């Protein structure tokens, strides 16, 4: 009987080990994957001791030779205020419309400017998004987010966002993204690539590269972030939207067209 008992214990132990190994190979839940991203990334609206802020957003446009470094922005035209209240978890931002030929990308630019402003657990709550996780092609997972209602109003040259997919690496950093863009007459993918920099032991977004197209137009803009300390806090000082003019029209051929969004006059509220 003792031998039988030992064998039974051994069998049960092996079954438990197999189950544990299987569990270890399972992809994380959406909540677990989002928490991993929130732990790896730096979000400028959720800095320690930041109670909130108000500022003015200005805009200025210019052109440079393709691939040339971004020049400093010139004199800006105020387009409206920006305000953030960390306690109430609210933020207001004026509509930002970059100069990019016939495209109207206010919804897209607003979404991407805020993508790394707040933790994703706040941005993509379960009640507002269907959230699922799929196995990635390499190391990592794919986070699929479907908003209960599209983000924006679809039009042929003013896409709304109907689905979001992010490839998340093993360390919790988004490597690539795909936006399913509703352009009224059909859907088209918007491909994203992220570039980050080290900041305080975490990763901070530096550039977001796009590729967007429909049946007869294609655009490949870049969203580039610059930060400046505000009373020991790092907040956006300017965001540049840069697009290859050659893909827009003959008038802009041979130039990269830039729209700067300049954040000025910060008044920072400290948390108590």
Foldseek 3Di string as FASTA:
>chain_A
DVVVVVVVVVVVVVVVVVVVVVVVPDADWQVVLLVLLLVFAAAQQDDAQFQKKKWWKWKDKDKDFPPDDDDDGDDTDTDGMWIAGVVVGDIDDDQDFDDFAPAGESQVVVCVVRVRNDRVCVVQPVVFWPWGWAPDPDAFIKIKTAGPDWRDDAAQRYWTFGIKIFTAHPSSHTAKMWTFTHRPVDTWIKIWGWDWDDDPNHTYTAKIWIWTDDDPAIWIKMWGFDWDDDPNRTDTQKIKIWTANCRRDPVRHRIIMIMMIGIDDMDTDTDD
